[in-house]
């Protein structure tokens, strides 16, 4: 049933964004390849009772997070906002300090979703959908996993020092096959070991795919 709903979601997304040149069979196949991570995060946000702050759910506050982006060399910068075709990330509706307070109040209840978002890995299929979707509609049909990893990094730093089990999950991600996942996880680990280390504010907005 979940697989069917996931396939239906992608078909609707394809029709809604105008990508009518994609074959339905290809679209359904794509949905099956994207389902594992999507369903894992969906279950955390919907099956479990979602934490809230000021009557707004955890997912709302997640989308308002600043983005902590870490370079391959380990340097980090923070962007307040990021706008991509069809998607907005960051503090468009809430002040960063309010968002930080929301995550401190939700506490460890927010961590499973954050670790899930941090661990999302870009597949070649995800990148192809983004490229072709943008060419056909001038919009990105899927969320930017780079942006969401940056937001998850911000929230996990807000909640640092992390509890032992959560820290072990972050440690496991430091050797992830996707270098973009690994570099973000290593930075979070460094910040937990050396709390005085702070990222620099980013000059302007860095566009990420």
N, C-alpha and C. Protein backbone atom coordinates (compact mmCIF):
# COMPACT_ATOMS: atom_id res chain seq x y z
N UNK A 1 0.82 -1.22 0.00
CA UNK A 1 0.00 0.00 0.00
C UNK A 1 0.85 1.26 0.00
N UNK A 2 1.94 1.25 0.81
CA UNK A 2 2.83 2.41 0.85
C UNK A 2 3.54 2.58 -0.48
N UNK A 3 3.96 1.44 -1.10
CA UNK A 3 4.63 1.54 -2.39
C UNK A 3 3.71 2.13 -3.44
N UNK A 4 2.44 1.71 -3.40
CA UNK A 4 1.47 2.24 -4.34
C UNK A 4 1.26 3.72 -4.15
N UNK A 5 1.17 4.15 -2.87
CA UNK A 5 0.98 5.58 -2.61
C UNK A 5 2.20 6.37 -3.02
N UNK A 6 3.40 5.78 -2.84
CA UNK A 6 4.62 6.47 -3.26
C UNK A 6 4.66 6.63 -4.77
N UNK A 7 4.27 5.56 -5.49
CA UNK A 7 4.23 5.64 -6.94
C UNK A 7 3.21 6.67 -7.39
N UNK A 8 2.07 6.69 -6.73
CA UNK A 8 1.04 7.67 -7.06
C UNK A 8 1.51 9.07 -6.81
N UNK A 9 2.28 9.26 -5.72
CA UNK A 9 2.81 10.59 -5.39
C UNK A 9 3.70 11.09 -6.51
N UNK A 10 4.62 10.22 -6.99
CA UNK A 10 5.54 10.68 -8.02
C UNK A 10 4.80 10.96 -9.32
N UNK A 11 3.79 10.12 -9.64
CA UNK A 11 3.03 10.36 -10.86
C UNK A 11 2.33 11.72 -10.78
N UNK A 12 1.74 12.02 -9.63
CA UNK A 12 1.08 13.32 -9.46
C UNK A 12 2.09 14.46 -9.54
N UNK A 13 3.27 14.25 -8.92
CA UNK A 13 4.29 15.30 -8.95
C UNK A 13 4.76 15.56 -10.37
N UNK A 14 4.92 14.47 -11.14
CA UNK A 14 5.35 14.63 -12.53
C UNK A 14 4.32 15.39 -13.33
N UNK A 15 3.03 15.03 -13.17
CA UNK A 15 1.97 15.71 -13.90
C UNK A 15 1.85 17.16 -13.47
N UNK A 16 1.99 17.41 -12.16
CA UNK A 16 1.80 18.76 -11.64
C UNK A 16 2.89 19.70 -12.12
N UNK A 17 4.14 19.21 -12.24
CA UNK A 17 5.23 20.08 -12.65
C UNK A 17 5.37 20.14 -14.16
N UNK A 18 4.54 19.40 -14.87
CA UNK A 18 4.55 19.52 -16.32
C UNK A 18 5.57 18.67 -17.02
N UNK A 19 6.16 17.71 -16.33
CA UNK A 19 7.16 16.86 -16.98
C UNK A 19 6.42 15.73 -17.71
N UNK A 20 5.76 16.08 -18.77
CA UNK A 20 4.88 15.13 -19.43
C UNK A 20 5.62 14.22 -20.40
N UNK A 21 6.90 14.53 -20.63
CA UNK A 21 7.65 13.72 -21.57
C UNK A 21 8.21 12.46 -20.93
N UNK A 22 8.14 12.38 -19.61
CA UNK A 22 8.64 11.19 -18.93
C UNK A 22 7.65 10.05 -19.11
N UNK A 23 8.16 8.90 -19.45
CA UNK A 23 7.29 7.74 -19.61
C UNK A 23 6.77 7.31 -18.25
N UNK A 24 5.50 6.92 -18.17
CA UNK A 24 4.91 6.54 -16.89
C UNK A 24 5.65 5.37 -16.27
N UNK A 25 6.07 4.43 -17.09
CA UNK A 25 6.78 3.26 -16.55
C UNK A 25 8.10 3.69 -15.93
N UNK A 26 8.81 4.62 -16.56
CA UNK A 26 10.06 5.13 -16.00
C UNK A 26 9.80 5.84 -14.69
N UNK A 27 8.71 6.63 -14.65
CA UNK A 27 8.38 7.37 -13.43
C UNK A 27 8.08 6.43 -12.27
N UNK A 28 7.34 5.35 -12.58
CA UNK A 28 7.01 4.40 -11.53
C UNK A 28 8.27 3.69 -11.03
N UNK A 29 9.17 3.38 -11.97
CA UNK A 29 10.42 2.75 -11.58
C UNK A 29 11.26 3.67 -10.70
N UNK A 30 11.25 4.95 -11.06
CA UNK A 30 11.99 5.93 -10.26
C UNK A 30 11.45 6.00 -8.85
N UNK A 31 10.12 5.95 -8.73
CA UNK A 31 9.52 6.05 -7.41
C UNK A 31 9.93 4.89 -6.52
N UNK A 32 10.05 3.70 -7.11
CA UNK A 32 10.44 2.53 -6.32
C UNK A 32 11.88 2.66 -5.84
N UNK A 33 12.75 3.27 -6.65
CA UNK A 33 14.14 3.44 -6.23
C UNK A 33 14.29 4.50 -5.15
N UNK A 34 13.37 5.49 -5.15
CA UNK A 34 13.45 6.56 -4.17
C UNK A 34 12.69 6.25 -2.89
N UNK A 35 11.88 5.19 -2.92
CA UNK A 35 11.01 4.92 -1.78
C UNK A 35 11.71 4.64 -0.45
N UNK A 36 12.83 3.87 -0.41
CA UNK A 36 13.38 3.51 0.91
C UNK A 36 13.63 4.69 1.83
N UNK A 37 14.39 5.69 1.37
CA UNK A 37 14.68 6.84 2.23
C UNK A 37 13.44 7.68 2.44
N UNK A 38 12.65 7.86 1.36
CA UNK A 38 11.45 8.69 1.47
C UNK A 38 10.47 8.11 2.49
N UNK A 39 10.29 6.79 2.47
CA UNK A 39 9.35 6.16 3.39
C UNK A 39 9.89 6.19 4.82
N UNK A 40 11.22 6.07 4.97
CA UNK A 40 11.79 6.13 6.32
C UNK A 40 11.52 7.49 6.95
N UNK A 41 11.76 8.56 6.18
CA UNK A 41 11.52 9.90 6.72
C UNK A 41 10.03 10.16 6.88
N UNK A 42 9.22 9.62 5.97
CA UNK A 42 7.76 9.78 6.08
C UNK A 42 7.25 9.14 7.36
N UNK A 43 7.78 7.95 7.68
CA UNK A 43 7.31 7.27 8.88
C UNK A 43 7.66 8.05 10.13
N UNK A 44 8.84 8.68 10.11
CA UNK A 44 9.25 9.45 11.28
C UNK A 44 8.40 10.69 11.46
N UNK A 45 7.96 11.27 10.34
CA UNK A 45 7.19 12.51 10.42
C UNK A 45 5.70 12.32 10.53
N UNK A 46 5.21 11.12 10.17
CA UNK A 46 3.77 10.94 10.11
C UNK A 46 3.24 9.78 10.94
N UNK A 47 3.95 8.64 10.92
CA UNK A 47 3.46 7.50 11.70
C UNK A 47 3.63 7.78 13.19
N UNK A 48 4.82 8.25 13.55
CA UNK A 48 5.04 8.61 14.94
C UNK A 48 4.32 9.93 15.22
N UNK A 49 3.96 10.16 16.46
CA UNK A 49 3.36 11.43 16.82
C UNK A 49 4.41 12.52 16.71
N UNK A 50 4.14 13.49 15.87
CA UNK A 50 5.15 14.50 15.58
C UNK A 50 5.23 15.54 16.68
N UNK A 51 6.45 15.80 17.20
CA UNK A 51 6.61 16.85 18.20
C UNK A 51 6.22 18.21 17.62
N UNK A 52 5.83 19.12 18.48
CA UNK A 52 5.41 20.44 18.03
C UNK A 52 5.91 21.51 19.00
N UNK A 53 5.93 22.74 18.50
CA UNK A 53 6.27 23.90 19.32
C UNK A 53 5.38 25.04 18.86
N UNK A 54 4.71 25.66 19.83
CA UNK A 54 3.75 26.73 19.52
C UNK A 54 2.71 26.26 18.50
N UNK A 55 2.28 25.01 18.64
CA UNK A 55 1.23 24.41 17.81
C UNK A 55 1.66 24.24 16.36
N UNK A 56 2.96 24.31 16.10
CA UNK A 56 3.47 24.08 14.75
C UNK A 56 4.36 22.84 14.79
N UNK A 57 4.20 21.92 13.83
CA UNK A 57 4.90 20.63 13.90
C UNK A 57 6.39 20.74 13.62
N UNK A 58 7.08 19.68 13.97
CA UNK A 58 8.53 19.60 13.79
C UNK A 58 8.94 19.87 12.35
N UNK A 59 8.19 19.34 11.37
CA UNK A 59 8.56 19.53 9.97
C UNK A 59 8.50 21.00 9.56
N UNK A 60 7.55 21.76 10.14
CA UNK A 60 7.48 23.19 9.86
C UNK A 60 8.77 23.86 10.33
N UNK A 61 9.19 23.57 11.55
CA UNK A 61 10.39 24.19 12.10
C UNK A 61 11.63 23.73 11.35
N UNK A 62 11.63 22.48 10.87
CA UNK A 62 12.78 22.00 10.09
C UNK A 62 12.99 22.85 8.85
N UNK A 63 11.91 23.17 8.16
CA UNK A 63 12.03 23.95 6.92
C UNK A 63 12.47 25.39 7.18
N UNK A 64 12.37 25.86 8.43
CA UNK A 64 12.78 27.22 8.77
C UNK A 64 14.22 27.30 9.28
N UNK A 65 14.90 26.17 9.34
CA UNK A 65 16.27 26.14 9.85
C UNK A 65 17.25 26.82 8.90
N UNK A 66 18.26 27.49 9.47
CA UNK A 66 19.38 27.95 8.67
C UNK A 66 20.12 26.74 8.10
N UNK A 67 21.00 26.98 7.14
CA UNK A 67 21.74 25.90 6.50
C UNK A 67 23.22 26.00 6.88
N UNK A 68 23.73 24.95 7.50
CA UNK A 68 25.16 24.87 7.80
C UNK A 68 25.79 23.97 6.75
N UNK A 69 26.54 24.58 5.83
CA UNK A 69 27.13 23.85 4.72
C UNK A 69 28.63 23.69 4.96
N UNK A 70 29.11 22.47 4.83
CA UNK A 70 30.51 22.15 5.13
C UNK A 70 31.23 21.81 3.83
N UNK A 71 32.39 22.44 3.62
CA UNK A 71 33.18 22.20 2.42
C UNK A 71 33.93 20.87 2.54
N UNK A 72 34.42 20.31 1.42
CA UNK A 72 35.20 19.06 1.50
C UNK A 72 36.40 19.17 2.44
N UNK A 73 36.93 20.40 2.60
CA UNK A 73 38.07 20.58 3.50
C UNK A 73 37.69 20.70 4.96
N UNK A 74 36.39 20.73 5.25
CA UNK A 74 35.94 20.78 6.64
C UNK A 74 35.55 22.15 7.15
N UNK A 75 35.70 23.18 6.31
CA UNK A 75 35.26 24.52 6.72
C UNK A 75 33.75 24.64 6.56
N UNK A 76 33.12 25.38 7.48
CA UNK A 76 31.66 25.49 7.46
C UNK A 76 31.23 26.94 7.36
N UNK A 77 30.10 27.15 6.72
CA UNK A 77 29.48 28.46 6.64
C UNK A 77 27.99 28.32 6.86
N UNK A 78 27.37 29.36 7.36
CA UNK A 78 25.93 29.32 7.64
C UNK A 78 25.21 30.31 6.75
N UNK A 79 24.17 29.86 6.06
CA UNK A 79 23.31 30.72 5.25
C UNK A 79 21.94 30.81 5.92
N UNK A 80 21.43 32.01 6.06
CA UNK A 80 20.10 32.19 6.65
C UNK A 80 19.01 31.61 5.76
N UNK A 81 19.15 31.80 4.46
CA UNK A 81 18.10 31.39 3.53
C UNK A 81 18.73 30.86 2.24
N UNK A 82 17.96 30.03 1.58
CA UNK A 82 18.34 29.53 0.26
C UNK A 82 17.08 29.39 -0.57
N UNK A 83 17.07 29.98 -1.73
CA UNK A 83 15.91 29.87 -2.61
C UNK A 83 16.35 29.21 -3.91
N UNK A 84 15.72 28.10 -4.23
CA UNK A 84 15.94 27.38 -5.47
C UNK A 84 14.63 27.36 -6.26
N UNK A 85 14.69 27.10 -7.55
CA UNK A 85 13.45 27.08 -8.34
C UNK A 85 12.42 26.09 -7.78
N UNK A 86 11.36 26.63 -7.20
CA UNK A 86 10.30 25.78 -6.66
C UNK A 86 10.42 25.44 -5.20
N UNK A 87 11.53 25.82 -4.54
CA UNK A 87 11.73 25.46 -3.14
C UNK A 87 12.42 26.60 -2.39
N UNK A 88 12.05 26.74 -1.12
CA UNK A 88 12.71 27.71 -0.25
C UNK A 88 13.15 27.01 1.03
N UNK A 89 14.36 27.34 1.48
CA UNK A 89 14.91 26.75 2.69
C UNK A 89 15.42 27.87 3.59
N UNK A 90 15.18 27.74 4.88
CA UNK A 90 15.73 28.71 5.81
C UNK A 90 14.70 29.62 6.45
N UNK A 91 15.21 30.66 7.08
CA UNK A 91 14.38 31.50 7.96
C UNK A 91 13.59 32.56 7.18
N UNK A 92 12.66 32.10 6.36
CA UNK A 92 11.79 33.01 5.61
C UNK A 92 10.63 33.49 6.47
N UNK A 93 10.14 32.64 7.37
CA UNK A 93 8.95 32.97 8.17
C UNK A 93 9.25 33.13 9.65
N UNK A 94 10.38 32.62 10.12
CA UNK A 94 10.70 32.66 11.54
C UNK A 94 12.13 33.17 11.74
N UNK A 95 12.37 33.80 12.86
CA UNK A 95 13.72 34.23 13.20
C UNK A 95 14.57 33.02 13.60
N UNK A 96 15.85 33.02 13.26
CA UNK A 96 16.72 31.88 13.61
C UNK A 96 16.70 31.54 15.10
N UNK A 97 16.65 32.57 15.96
CA UNK A 97 16.65 32.28 17.40
C UNK A 97 15.35 31.61 17.84
N UNK A 98 14.24 31.92 17.16
CA UNK A 98 12.97 31.27 17.48
C UNK A 98 13.00 29.81 17.06
N UNK A 99 13.60 29.55 15.89
CA UNK A 99 13.73 28.18 15.40
C UNK A 99 14.63 27.37 16.34
N UNK A 100 15.72 27.98 16.78
CA UNK A 100 16.62 27.29 17.71
C UNK A 100 15.90 26.95 19.01
N UNK A 101 15.10 27.87 19.51
CA UNK A 101 14.34 27.61 20.73
C UNK A 101 13.34 26.48 20.52
N UNK A 102 12.72 26.43 19.33
CA UNK A 102 11.77 25.35 19.04
C UNK A 102 12.45 23.99 19.14
N UNK A 103 13.65 23.87 18.59
CA UNK A 103 14.34 22.58 18.63
C UNK A 103 14.85 22.24 20.03
N UNK A 104 15.21 23.25 20.79
CA UNK A 104 15.62 22.97 22.17
C UNK A 104 14.45 22.46 22.99
N UNK A 105 13.26 23.01 22.75
CA UNK A 105 12.07 22.56 23.47
C UNK A 105 11.69 21.14 23.03
N UNK A 106 11.74 20.86 21.73
CA UNK A 106 11.40 19.52 21.24
C UNK A 106 12.47 18.51 21.64
N UNK A 107 13.71 18.98 21.76
CA UNK A 107 14.79 18.15 22.29
C UNK A 107 15.04 16.88 21.51
N UNK A 108 15.27 15.79 22.23
CA UNK A 108 15.65 14.52 21.59
C UNK A 108 14.53 13.95 20.72
N UNK A 109 13.29 14.40 20.92
CA UNK A 109 12.20 13.93 20.06
C UNK A 109 12.40 14.32 18.60
N UNK A 110 13.20 15.34 18.36
CA UNK A 110 13.44 15.80 16.99
C UNK A 110 14.59 15.05 16.32
N UNK A 111 15.43 14.38 17.10
CA UNK A 111 16.67 13.82 16.56
C UNK A 111 16.46 12.74 15.50
N UNK A 112 15.52 11.79 15.66
CA UNK A 112 15.38 10.77 14.61
C UNK A 112 15.16 11.35 13.21
N UNK A 113 14.31 12.36 13.08
CA UNK A 113 14.09 12.98 11.78
C UNK A 113 15.38 13.66 11.29
N UNK A 114 16.10 14.30 12.19
CA UNK A 114 17.31 15.02 11.80
C UNK A 114 18.38 14.06 11.28
N UNK A 115 18.56 12.94 11.96
CA UNK A 115 19.55 11.94 11.52
C UNK A 115 19.13 11.36 10.17
N UNK A 116 17.84 11.16 9.99
CA UNK A 116 17.32 10.65 8.71
C UNK A 116 17.64 11.63 7.59
N UNK A 117 17.39 12.91 7.81
CA UNK A 117 17.67 13.93 6.80
C UNK A 117 19.16 14.04 6.52
N UNK A 118 19.97 13.94 7.57
CA UNK A 118 21.42 14.01 7.41
C UNK A 118 21.95 12.86 6.57
N UNK A 119 21.35 11.70 6.69
CA UNK A 119 21.86 10.50 6.03
C UNK A 119 21.38 10.34 4.59
N UNK A 120 20.49 11.23 4.13
CA UNK A 120 19.99 11.11 2.76
C UNK A 120 21.13 11.27 1.76
N UNK A 121 21.23 10.32 0.85
CA UNK A 121 22.32 10.32 -0.12
C UNK A 121 21.78 10.57 -1.52
N UNK A 122 22.44 11.45 -2.25
CA UNK A 122 22.05 11.73 -3.63
C UNK A 122 22.36 10.53 -4.51
N UNK A 123 21.35 10.01 -5.17
CA UNK A 123 21.57 8.95 -6.15
C UNK A 123 21.69 9.59 -7.53
N UNK A 124 22.24 8.85 -8.47
CA UNK A 124 22.34 9.37 -9.83
C UNK A 124 20.94 9.62 -10.40
N UNK A 125 19.97 8.80 -9.99
CA UNK A 125 18.60 8.99 -10.45
C UNK A 125 18.03 10.30 -9.93
N UNK A 126 18.26 10.58 -8.65
CA UNK A 126 17.77 11.84 -8.06
C UNK A 126 18.35 13.02 -8.81
N UNK A 127 19.64 12.98 -9.12
CA UNK A 127 20.27 14.09 -9.83
C UNK A 127 19.72 14.23 -11.24
N UNK A 128 19.46 13.11 -11.92
CA UNK A 128 18.92 13.18 -13.28
C UNK A 128 17.52 13.78 -13.28
N UNK A 129 16.70 13.37 -12.29
CA UNK A 129 15.34 13.93 -12.20
C UNK A 129 15.41 15.44 -12.00
N UNK A 130 16.33 15.90 -11.13
CA UNK A 130 16.47 17.32 -10.88
C UNK A 130 16.88 18.07 -12.16
N UNK A 131 17.86 17.52 -12.87
CA UNK A 131 18.37 18.20 -14.07
C UNK A 131 17.30 18.28 -15.15
N UNK A 132 16.66 17.15 -15.44
CA UNK A 132 15.66 17.15 -16.50
C UNK A 132 14.41 17.90 -16.10
N UNK A 133 14.03 17.81 -14.83
CA UNK A 133 12.88 18.57 -14.36
C UNK A 133 13.10 20.06 -14.51
N UNK A 134 14.31 20.49 -14.19
CA UNK A 134 14.62 21.93 -14.30
C UNK A 134 14.65 22.37 -15.76
N UNK A 135 15.17 21.52 -16.63
CA UNK A 135 15.22 21.88 -18.05
C UNK A 135 13.82 22.00 -18.64
N UNK A 136 12.91 21.15 -18.22
CA UNK A 136 11.58 21.13 -18.80
C UNK A 136 10.63 22.15 -18.18
N UNK A 137 10.81 22.43 -16.89
CA UNK A 137 9.83 23.28 -16.19
C UNK A 137 10.44 24.48 -15.51
N UNK A 138 11.79 24.56 -15.51
CA UNK A 138 12.50 25.63 -14.79
C UNK A 138 12.22 25.58 -13.29
N UNK A 139 11.87 24.39 -12.80
CA UNK A 139 11.68 24.15 -11.38
C UNK A 139 12.39 22.85 -11.02
N UNK A 140 12.75 22.70 -9.76
CA UNK A 140 13.33 21.45 -9.29
C UNK A 140 12.19 20.59 -8.73
N UNK A 141 11.91 19.44 -9.33
CA UNK A 141 10.77 18.64 -8.89
C UNK A 141 10.93 18.01 -7.51
N UNK A 142 12.18 17.81 -7.07
CA UNK A 142 12.43 17.16 -5.79
C UNK A 142 13.16 18.13 -4.85
N UNK A 143 13.09 17.83 -3.55
CA UNK A 143 13.82 18.63 -2.57
C UNK A 143 15.32 18.50 -2.79
N UNK A 144 16.06 19.55 -2.47
CA UNK A 144 17.52 19.49 -2.51
C UNK A 144 18.02 18.76 -1.26
N UNK A 145 18.64 17.61 -1.46
CA UNK A 145 19.14 16.84 -0.32
C UNK A 145 20.32 17.55 0.33
N UNK A 146 21.10 18.29 -0.46
CA UNK A 146 22.19 19.08 0.11
C UNK A 146 21.64 20.10 1.09
N UNK A 147 20.58 20.79 0.68
CA UNK A 147 19.99 21.82 1.55
C UNK A 147 19.44 21.19 2.82
N UNK A 148 18.75 20.07 2.69
CA UNK A 148 18.17 19.42 3.87
C UNK A 148 19.25 18.89 4.81
N UNK A 149 20.37 18.41 4.24
CA UNK A 149 21.47 17.98 5.10
C UNK A 149 22.03 19.18 5.86
N UNK A 150 22.12 20.33 5.18
CA UNK A 150 22.60 21.53 5.85
C UNK A 150 21.68 21.96 6.98
N UNK A 151 20.37 21.82 6.78
CA UNK A 151 19.42 22.17 7.83
C UNK A 151 19.48 21.17 8.98
N UNK A 152 19.62 19.89 8.65
CA UNK A 152 19.74 18.88 9.71
C UNK A 152 21.00 19.11 10.53
N UNK A 153 22.08 19.51 9.86
CA UNK A 153 23.33 19.82 10.57
C UNK A 153 23.11 20.95 11.57
N UNK A 154 22.43 22.00 11.13
CA UNK A 154 22.15 23.14 12.01
C UNK A 154 21.41 22.69 13.26
N UNK A 155 20.37 21.89 13.08
CA UNK A 155 19.55 21.47 14.23
C UNK A 155 20.33 20.55 15.16
N UNK A 156 21.14 19.65 14.60
CA UNK A 156 21.91 18.75 15.45
C UNK A 156 22.97 19.52 16.24
N UNK A 157 23.47 20.62 15.67
CA UNK A 157 24.40 21.46 16.43
C UNK A 157 23.68 22.22 17.53
N UNK A 158 22.45 22.63 17.26
CA UNK A 158 21.64 23.30 18.29
C UNK A 158 21.44 22.37 19.48
N UNK A 159 21.25 21.09 19.19
CA UNK A 159 20.95 20.11 20.24
C UNK A 159 22.21 19.49 20.86
N UNK A 160 23.37 19.90 20.40
CA UNK A 160 24.62 19.37 20.96
C UNK A 160 24.85 19.91 22.38
N UNK A 161 25.50 19.08 23.25
CA UNK A 161 26.05 17.75 22.97
C UNK A 161 24.94 16.70 22.81
N UNK A 162 25.09 15.86 21.82
CA UNK A 162 24.09 14.85 21.52
C UNK A 162 24.16 13.69 22.51
N UNK A 163 23.02 13.04 22.75
CA UNK A 163 23.05 11.85 23.60
C UNK A 163 23.87 10.74 22.95
N UNK A 164 24.41 9.80 23.73
CA UNK A 164 25.33 8.79 23.21
C UNK A 164 24.82 8.02 21.99
N UNK A 165 23.56 7.58 22.02
CA UNK A 165 23.04 6.80 20.89
C UNK A 165 23.00 7.63 19.61
N UNK A 166 22.59 8.88 19.72
CA UNK A 166 22.54 9.76 18.55
C UNK A 166 23.96 10.05 18.05
N UNK A 167 24.89 10.22 18.97
CA UNK A 167 26.27 10.47 18.58
C UNK A 167 26.85 9.27 17.84
N UNK A 168 26.48 8.07 18.27
CA UNK A 168 26.95 6.86 17.57
C UNK A 168 26.41 6.82 16.14
N UNK A 169 25.18 7.27 15.94
CA UNK A 169 24.62 7.31 14.59
C UNK A 169 25.37 8.31 13.72
N UNK A 170 25.74 9.44 14.30
CA UNK A 170 26.51 10.43 13.55
C UNK A 170 27.89 9.88 13.22
N UNK A 171 28.53 9.21 14.18
CA UNK A 171 29.85 8.60 13.94
C UNK A 171 29.78 7.62 12.78
N UNK A 172 28.73 6.82 12.72
CA UNK A 172 28.58 5.86 11.63
C UNK A 172 28.50 6.55 10.27
N UNK A 173 27.93 7.74 10.24
CA UNK A 173 27.78 8.47 8.98
C UNK A 173 29.08 9.12 8.53
N UNK A 174 30.07 9.22 9.40
CA UNK A 174 31.34 9.86 9.01
C UNK A 174 32.10 9.05 7.98
N UNK A 175 31.74 7.78 7.81
CA UNK A 175 32.39 6.94 6.79
C UNK A 175 31.41 6.59 5.68
N UNK A 176 30.35 7.37 5.53
CA UNK A 176 29.35 7.12 4.49
C UNK A 176 29.99 7.19 3.11
N UNK A 177 29.48 6.37 2.21
CA UNK A 177 30.02 6.34 0.84
C UNK A 177 29.81 7.67 0.12
N UNK A 178 28.75 8.39 0.48
CA UNK A 178 28.49 9.71 -0.10
C UNK A 178 29.33 10.73 0.68
N UNK A 179 30.32 11.31 0.04
CA UNK A 179 31.24 12.22 0.74
C UNK A 179 30.53 13.43 1.32
N UNK A 180 29.40 13.84 0.70
CA UNK A 180 28.69 15.01 1.22
C UNK A 180 27.99 14.71 2.53
N UNK A 181 27.54 13.47 2.69
CA UNK A 181 26.98 13.04 3.97
C UNK A 181 28.10 12.96 5.01
N UNK A 182 29.22 12.34 4.62
CA UNK A 182 30.32 12.10 5.56
C UNK A 182 30.91 13.40 6.09
N UNK A 183 31.09 14.40 5.20
CA UNK A 183 31.73 15.64 5.64
C UNK A 183 30.85 16.42 6.61
N UNK A 184 29.52 16.37 6.41
CA UNK A 184 28.61 17.03 7.35
C UNK A 184 28.65 16.32 8.70
N UNK A 185 28.65 14.98 8.66
CA UNK A 185 28.67 14.20 9.91
C UNK A 185 29.97 14.43 10.68
N UNK A 186 31.09 14.50 9.96
CA UNK A 186 32.37 14.73 10.64
C UNK A 186 32.39 16.10 11.32
N UNK A 187 31.78 17.10 10.69
CA UNK A 187 31.74 18.42 11.30
C UNK A 187 30.90 18.40 12.58
N UNK A 188 29.77 17.73 12.54
CA UNK A 188 28.92 17.62 13.74
C UNK A 188 29.69 16.92 14.86
N UNK A 189 30.43 15.87 14.50
CA UNK A 189 31.22 15.15 15.50
C UNK A 189 32.29 16.06 16.10
N UNK A 190 32.97 16.82 15.25
CA UNK A 190 33.99 17.75 15.75
C UNK A 190 33.37 18.77 16.70
N UNK A 191 32.20 19.28 16.38
CA UNK A 191 31.56 20.27 17.24
C UNK A 191 31.13 19.66 18.57
N UNK A 192 30.83 18.39 18.59
CA UNK A 192 30.47 17.74 19.84
C UNK A 192 31.70 17.49 20.70
N UNK A 193 32.84 17.27 20.06
CA UNK A 193 34.08 17.05 20.79
C UNK A 193 34.68 18.38 21.23
N UNK A 194 34.58 19.40 20.34
CA UNK A 194 35.15 20.73 20.63
C UNK A 194 34.04 21.77 20.48
N UNK A 195 33.22 21.95 21.52
CA UNK A 195 32.05 22.83 21.43
C UNK A 195 32.36 24.28 21.07
N UNK A 196 33.60 24.74 21.28
CA UNK A 196 33.94 26.13 20.98
C UNK A 196 34.09 26.41 19.50
N UNK A 197 34.13 25.36 18.67
CA UNK A 197 34.29 25.54 17.22
C UNK A 197 32.98 26.03 16.63
N UNK A 198 33.00 27.15 15.94
CA UNK A 198 31.77 27.72 15.39
C UNK A 198 31.95 28.03 13.91
N UNK A 199 30.90 27.82 13.11
CA UNK A 199 30.98 28.13 11.68
C UNK A 199 30.91 29.63 11.44
N UNK A 200 31.39 30.06 10.27
CA UNK A 200 31.34 31.46 9.91
C UNK A 200 30.04 31.75 9.13
N UNK A 201 29.47 32.95 9.32
CA UNK A 201 28.29 33.30 8.51
C UNK A 201 28.67 33.32 7.04
N UNK A 202 27.83 32.75 6.21
CA UNK A 202 28.10 32.72 4.78
C UNK A 202 27.84 34.09 4.17
N UNK A 203 28.69 34.49 3.24
CA UNK A 203 28.49 35.75 2.53
C UNK A 203 27.59 35.47 1.33
N UNK A 204 26.33 35.92 1.43
CA UNK A 204 25.38 35.63 0.38
C UNK A 204 24.84 34.23 0.51
N UNK A 205 24.13 33.79 -0.48
CA UNK A 205 23.53 32.46 -0.47
C UNK A 205 24.27 31.57 -1.46
N UNK A 206 24.70 30.43 -0.98
CA UNK A 206 25.39 29.46 -1.85
C UNK A 206 24.33 28.53 -2.42
N UNK A 207 24.20 28.51 -3.74
CA UNK A 207 23.21 27.64 -4.36
C UNK A 207 23.75 26.23 -4.37
N UNK A 208 22.94 25.27 -3.94
CA UNK A 208 23.32 23.87 -3.94
C UNK A 208 22.32 23.09 -4.77
N UNK A 209 22.79 22.06 -5.42
CA UNK A 209 21.90 21.27 -6.26
C UNK A 209 21.21 20.20 -5.45
